[in-house]
Amino acid sequence: VTALVQKIAGLHAAISKLPSLSPSPKVDALFTDLVMACVPPSPVDVTKLDPEAQRMREELIRLCSDAEGHLEAHYSDMLAAFDNPLDHLGRFPYFSNYINLSKLEYELLVRYVPGLEPSRVAFVGSGPLPFSSLVLAARHLPSTVFDNYDRCAAANDRARKLVRADADLRKRMSFHTTDVADLTDELRKYDVVFLAALVGMAAEDKAKIVAHLGRHMADGAALVVRSAHGARGFLYPIVDPEDIHRGGFDVL
């Protein structure tokens, strides 16, 4: 664990010195090293690190979020240049992760919400490259309407371009520029709400968002919350199941 933390601290220091987090050979190499260090199973409990390592981790998650935003915007623009962007999604280097993640989440929903055929789904924090919604809509929920929410108008503009050539997804997928804290009564119309991993990066912010959703979502609706474990907690926030329970949800 000590060696892992030292390695990640070194990568954090190198990433912090980068003049830009936009995709480039140096940026890509550093983040690839970081991901490769964090993906294997690890006994590390990032919530028990010393205060200095905790500050490093919090800053690293912010850097990862910024870099992910730049990466997705870059590939969204690249895909938008094709006549039908959806035919070329595999060009994104981590596309297979979204295929696997969407399959996992769909199977969890089917297992825990029997007979679920959601008419309307919300995705909070969809970004410029809304792979989760695209894959779920195309492969698993072919008649469901998806409302994607992001507080960045530029991200939504990019995302809209990706579905422009597909009549079915263009009809079933909409993009709204708003903060989740401003969503109230409209949340009651959703059977399922997905909360992206990087919405509310600090634990207290995530807990507030979950509590807000708990106050306004319909009874019986499902909330899908993405968390992280082990060394992956250096890349993404870890969600405490107790915060979900306190927000008014049964933890399944």
Protein backbone atom coordinates (compact mmCIF):
# COMPACT_ATOMS: atom_id res chain seq x y z
CA VAL A 1 0.00 0.00 0.00
CA THR A 2 2.82 2.41 0.87
CA ALA A 3 4.51 1.78 -2.47
CA LEU A 4 1.21 2.29 -4.33
CA VAL A 5 0.50 5.60 -2.56
CA GLN A 6 4.06 6.79 -3.32
CA LYS A 7 3.66 5.87 -7.00
CA ILE A 8 0.31 7.68 -7.26
CA ALA A 9 1.72 10.71 -5.43
CA GLY A 10 4.51 10.86 -8.01
CA LEU A 11 2.02 10.67 -10.88
CA HIS A 12 -0.09 13.37 -9.20
CA ALA A 13 2.97 15.63 -9.00
CA ALA A 14 3.76 15.08 -12.70
CA ILE A 15 0.13 15.64 -13.78
CA SER A 16 -0.08 18.81 -11.66
CA LYS A 17 2.84 20.30 -13.62
CA LEU A 18 1.22 19.76 -17.04
CA PRO A 19 0.50 23.05 -18.84
CA SER A 20 -2.75 21.58 -20.22
CA LEU A 21 -4.90 18.50 -19.61
CA SER A 22 -6.08 18.32 -23.23
CA PRO A 23 -5.19 15.04 -24.98
CA SER A 24 -1.53 14.82 -26.02
CA PRO A 25 1.08 12.03 -25.95
CA LYS A 26 2.43 13.18 -22.55
CA VAL A 27 -1.03 13.67 -20.98
CA ASP A 28 -2.25 10.33 -22.35
CA ALA A 29 0.84 8.48 -21.08
CA LEU A 30 0.58 9.89 -17.55
CA PHE A 31 -3.12 9.12 -17.21
CA THR A 32 -2.63 5.64 -18.67
CA ASP A 33 0.04 4.99 -16.01
CA LEU A 34 -2.33 6.28 -13.35
CA VAL A 35 -5.22 4.09 -14.48
CA MET A 36 -2.98 1.01 -14.75
CA ALA A 37 -1.78 1.61 -11.18
CA CYS A 38 -5.33 1.94 -9.82
CA VAL A 39 -7.25 -0.79 -11.66
CA PRO A 40 -5.74 -3.99 -10.13
CA PRO A 41 -7.34 -5.18 -6.86
CA SER A 42 -5.69 -3.47 -3.89
CA PRO A 43 -6.09 -3.62 -0.10
CA VAL A 44 -5.72 0.18 0.16
CA ASP A 45 -8.51 2.02 2.00
CA VAL A 46 -8.26 5.57 0.70
CA THR A 47 -10.59 6.86 3.43
CA LYS A 48 -7.92 5.99 6.04
CA LEU A 49 -4.97 7.75 4.40
CA ASP A 50 -3.12 10.48 6.30
CA PRO A 51 -4.32 14.09 5.78
CA GLU A 52 -1.60 14.92 3.22
CA ALA A 53 -2.47 11.86 1.10
CA GLN A 54 -6.17 12.71 1.42
CA ARG A 55 -5.55 16.20 0.02
CA MET A 56 -3.50 14.67 -2.82
CA ARG A 57 -6.33 12.24 -3.59
CA GLU A 58 -8.97 14.99 -3.64
CA GLU A 59 -6.86 17.09 -5.99
CA LEU A 60 -6.16 14.05 -8.19
CA ILE A 61 -9.89 13.33 -8.58
CA ARG A 62 -10.41 16.95 -9.69
CA LEU A 63 -7.56 16.63 -12.20
CA CYS A 64 -9.00 13.35 -13.49
CA SER A 65 -12.41 15.00 -13.89
CA ASP A 66 -10.92 17.92 -15.85
CA ALA A 67 -8.86 15.57 -18.04
CA GLU A 68 -11.87 13.34 -18.69
CA GLY A 69 -13.86 16.40 -19.76
CA HIS A 70 -11.14 17.41 -22.22
CA LEU A 71 -10.84 13.85 -23.55
CA GLU A 72 -14.59 13.47 -24.07
CA ALA A 73 -14.89 16.88 -25.76
CA HIS A 74 -12.00 15.99 -28.09
CA TYR A 75 -13.56 12.68 -29.15
CA SER A 76 -17.06 14.14 -29.34
CA ASP A 77 -15.81 16.70 -31.87
CA MET A 78 -13.98 13.96 -33.77
CA LEU A 79 -17.08 11.75 -33.94
CA ALA A 80 -19.33 14.67 -34.91
CA ALA A 81 -17.33 15.08 -38.13
CA PHE A 82 -18.70 11.76 -39.47
CA ASP A 83 -21.99 11.53 -41.36
CA ASN A 84 -23.31 9.19 -38.66
CA PRO A 85 -21.23 9.59 -35.49
CA LEU A 86 -22.84 6.56 -33.84
CA ASP A 87 -21.20 4.26 -36.39
CA HIS A 88 -17.77 5.24 -35.06
CA LEU A 89 -18.11 5.15 -31.26
CA GLY A 90 -15.46 2.41 -31.06
CA ARG A 91 -12.80 5.00 -31.87
CA PHE A 92 -13.01 6.17 -28.26
CA PRO A 93 -10.25 4.28 -26.39
CA TYR A 94 -12.47 3.30 -23.43
CA PHE A 95 -15.67 2.52 -25.33
CA SER A 96 -15.59 -1.17 -24.34
CA ASN A 97 -15.73 -0.08 -20.67
CA TYR A 98 -19.10 1.57 -21.34
CA ILE A 99 -20.40 -1.54 -23.10
CA ASN A 100 -19.53 -3.61 -20.01
CA LEU A 101 -20.74 -0.99 -17.51
CA SER A 102 -24.10 -0.53 -19.24
CA LYS A 103 -24.63 -4.31 -19.39
CA LEU A 104 -23.81 -4.62 -15.69
CA GLU A 105 -26.12 -1.78 -14.68
CA TYR A 106 -28.98 -3.00 -16.85
CA GLU A 107 -28.68 -6.52 -15.40
CA LEU A 108 -28.64 -5.11 -11.85
CA LEU A 109 -31.79 -3.12 -12.57
CA VAL A 110 -33.57 -6.14 -14.00
CA ARG A 111 -32.52 -8.23 -10.99
CA TYR A 112 -33.56 -5.77 -8.30
CA VAL A 113 -36.54 -4.09 -9.99
CA PRO A 114 -38.51 -7.05 -11.42
CA GLY A 115 -40.63 -6.33 -14.47
CA LEU A 116 -38.85 -3.02 -15.00
CA GLU A 117 -39.57 -1.52 -18.40
CA PRO A 118 -38.87 2.17 -17.74
CA SER A 119 -40.71 4.60 -19.96
CA ARG A 120 -38.46 7.50 -18.95
CA VAL A 121 -34.91 7.62 -17.58
CA ALA A 122 -32.82 10.57 -16.39
CA PHE A 123 -29.04 10.65 -16.60
CA VAL A 124 -27.49 13.34 -14.39
CA GLY A 125 -24.03 14.48 -15.49
CA SER A 126 -24.17 13.18 -19.06
CA GLY A 127 -21.29 15.27 -20.47
CA PRO A 128 -20.22 15.83 -24.09
CA LEU A 129 -19.96 12.09 -24.83
CA PRO A 130 -23.02 10.44 -23.23
CA PHE A 131 -21.96 6.83 -23.82
CA SER A 132 -23.99 5.40 -20.94
CA SER A 133 -27.26 6.77 -22.30
CA LEU A 134 -26.37 5.88 -25.88
CA VAL A 135 -25.48 2.27 -25.09
CA LEU A 136 -28.41 1.72 -22.73
CA ALA A 137 -30.85 3.22 -25.24
CA ALA A 138 -29.49 1.31 -28.24
CA ARG A 139 -28.77 -2.09 -26.66
CA HIS A 140 -30.92 -2.55 -23.56
CA LEU A 141 -33.86 -0.11 -23.39
CA PRO A 142 -35.02 0.29 -27.01
CA SER A 143 -38.29 2.07 -26.23
CA THR A 144 -37.20 4.22 -23.26
CA VAL A 145 -36.96 8.02 -23.42
CA PHE A 146 -33.69 9.42 -22.00
CA ASP A 147 -33.41 12.93 -20.56
CA ASN A 148 -29.75 13.85 -20.15
CA TYR A 149 -28.84 16.63 -17.72
CA ASP A 150 -25.56 18.51 -17.59
CA ARG A 151 -24.83 22.00 -16.29
CA CYS A 152 -22.45 22.69 -19.20
CA ALA A 153 -24.25 24.01 -22.28
CA ALA A 154 -21.23 23.32 -24.51
CA ALA A 155 -21.25 19.65 -23.43
CA ASN A 156 -24.93 19.35 -24.33
CA ASP A 157 -24.37 21.00 -27.72
CA ARG A 158 -21.67 18.44 -28.48
CA ALA A 159 -23.82 15.54 -27.29
CA ARG A 160 -26.79 16.56 -29.48
CA LYS A 161 -24.62 16.38 -32.60
CA LEU A 162 -23.87 12.71 -31.94
CA VAL A 163 -27.51 11.61 -32.37
CA ARG A 164 -28.40 13.95 -35.24
CA ALA A 165 -28.23 11.22 -37.93
CA ASP A 166 -30.16 8.56 -35.99
CA ALA A 167 -33.90 9.20 -36.21
CA ASP A 168 -34.78 6.82 -33.38
CA LEU A 169 -32.25 8.09 -30.81
CA ARG A 170 -32.80 11.70 -31.83
CA LYS A 171 -36.47 11.22 -30.93
CA ARG A 172 -35.79 9.41 -27.63
CA MET A 173 -32.83 11.40 -26.34
CA SER A 174 -32.89 15.03 -25.16
CA PHE A 175 -30.27 17.20 -23.47
CA HIS A 176 -30.97 19.81 -20.80
CA THR A 177 -28.59 22.42 -19.38
CA THR A 178 -29.31 22.61 -15.66
CA ASP A 179 -27.87 21.80 -12.25
CA VAL A 180 -29.31 18.78 -10.46
CA ALA A 181 -30.08 21.00 -7.46
CA ASP A 182 -32.57 22.90 -9.64
CA LEU A 183 -34.49 19.74 -10.61
CA THR A 184 -37.53 19.21 -8.40
CA ASP A 185 -41.04 18.24 -9.61
CA GLU A 186 -39.76 16.94 -12.97
CA LEU A 187 -37.83 14.19 -11.15
CA ARG A 188 -41.12 12.46 -10.32
CA LYS A 189 -41.65 11.41 -13.94
CA TYR A 190 -38.59 9.11 -14.02
CA ASP A 191 -38.60 5.38 -13.34
CA VAL A 192 -34.79 5.35 -13.09
CA VAL A 193 -32.25 8.10 -12.39
CA PHE A 194 -28.55 7.53 -13.09
CA LEU A 195 -26.05 9.67 -11.17
CA ALA A 196 -22.68 9.99 -12.92
CA ALA A 197 -19.59 9.26 -10.83
CA LEU A 198 -18.17 12.79 -11.03
CA VAL A 199 -21.36 14.65 -10.07
CA GLY A 200 -20.61 15.88 -6.54
CA MET A 201 -16.95 14.98 -6.15
CA ALA A 202 -16.69 15.65 -2.40
CA ALA A 203 -18.49 13.16 -0.16
CA GLU A 204 -20.64 15.84 1.45
CA ASP A 205 -21.68 17.19 -1.98
CA LYS A 206 -22.65 13.71 -3.19
CA ALA A 207 -24.67 13.14 0.01
CA LYS A 208 -26.55 16.43 -0.53
CA ILE A 209 -27.36 15.50 -4.15
CA VAL A 210 -28.61 12.05 -3.12
CA ALA A 211 -30.79 13.61 -0.38
CA HIS A 212 -32.20 16.08 -2.93
CA LEU A 213 -33.04 13.22 -5.30
CA GLY A 214 -34.59 11.29 -2.43
CA ARG A 215 -36.94 14.19 -1.66
CA HIS A 216 -38.14 14.61 -5.23
CA MET A 217 -38.02 11.23 -7.01
CA ALA A 218 -41.19 9.14 -7.28
CA ASP A 219 -41.87 6.39 -4.75
CA GLY A 220 -40.57 3.10 -6.13
CA ALA A 221 -38.19 4.73 -8.62
CA ALA A 222 -34.64 3.39 -8.83
CA LEU A 223 -31.45 5.43 -8.38
CA VAL A 224 -28.23 4.09 -9.89
CA VAL A 225 -25.20 5.57 -8.11
CA ARG A 226 -21.67 4.91 -9.30
CA SER A 227 -18.95 4.47 -6.71
CA ALA A 228 -15.37 3.16 -6.58
CA HIS A 229 -13.41 0.77 -4.39
CA GLY A 230 -9.78 0.02 -3.56
CA ALA A 231 -7.20 2.04 -5.45
CA ARG A 232 -9.88 3.22 -7.91
CA GLY A 233 -10.79 5.64 -5.13
CA PHE A 234 -7.84 7.74 -6.35
CA LEU A 235 -9.69 8.27 -9.65
CA TYR A 236 -13.34 8.57 -8.61
CA PRO A 237 -15.30 9.46 -5.47
CA ILE A 238 -16.31 6.66 -3.12
CA VAL A 239 -19.97 6.71 -2.12
CA ASP A 240 -20.89 5.63 1.40
CA PRO A 241 -23.99 3.38 1.31
CA GLU A 242 -25.08 5.05 4.55
CA ASP A 243 -25.36 8.36 2.68
CA ILE A 244 -27.69 6.66 0.19
CA HIS A 245 -29.79 5.25 3.04
CA ARG A 246 -29.94 8.62 4.80
CA GLY A 247 -31.08 10.15 1.50
CA GLY A 248 -34.28 8.14 1.71
CA PHE A 249 -33.37 5.09 -0.39
CA ASP A 250 -33.23 1.37 0.26
CA VAL A 251 -29.71 0.23 -0.61
CA LEU A 252 -29.96 -2.78 -2.92
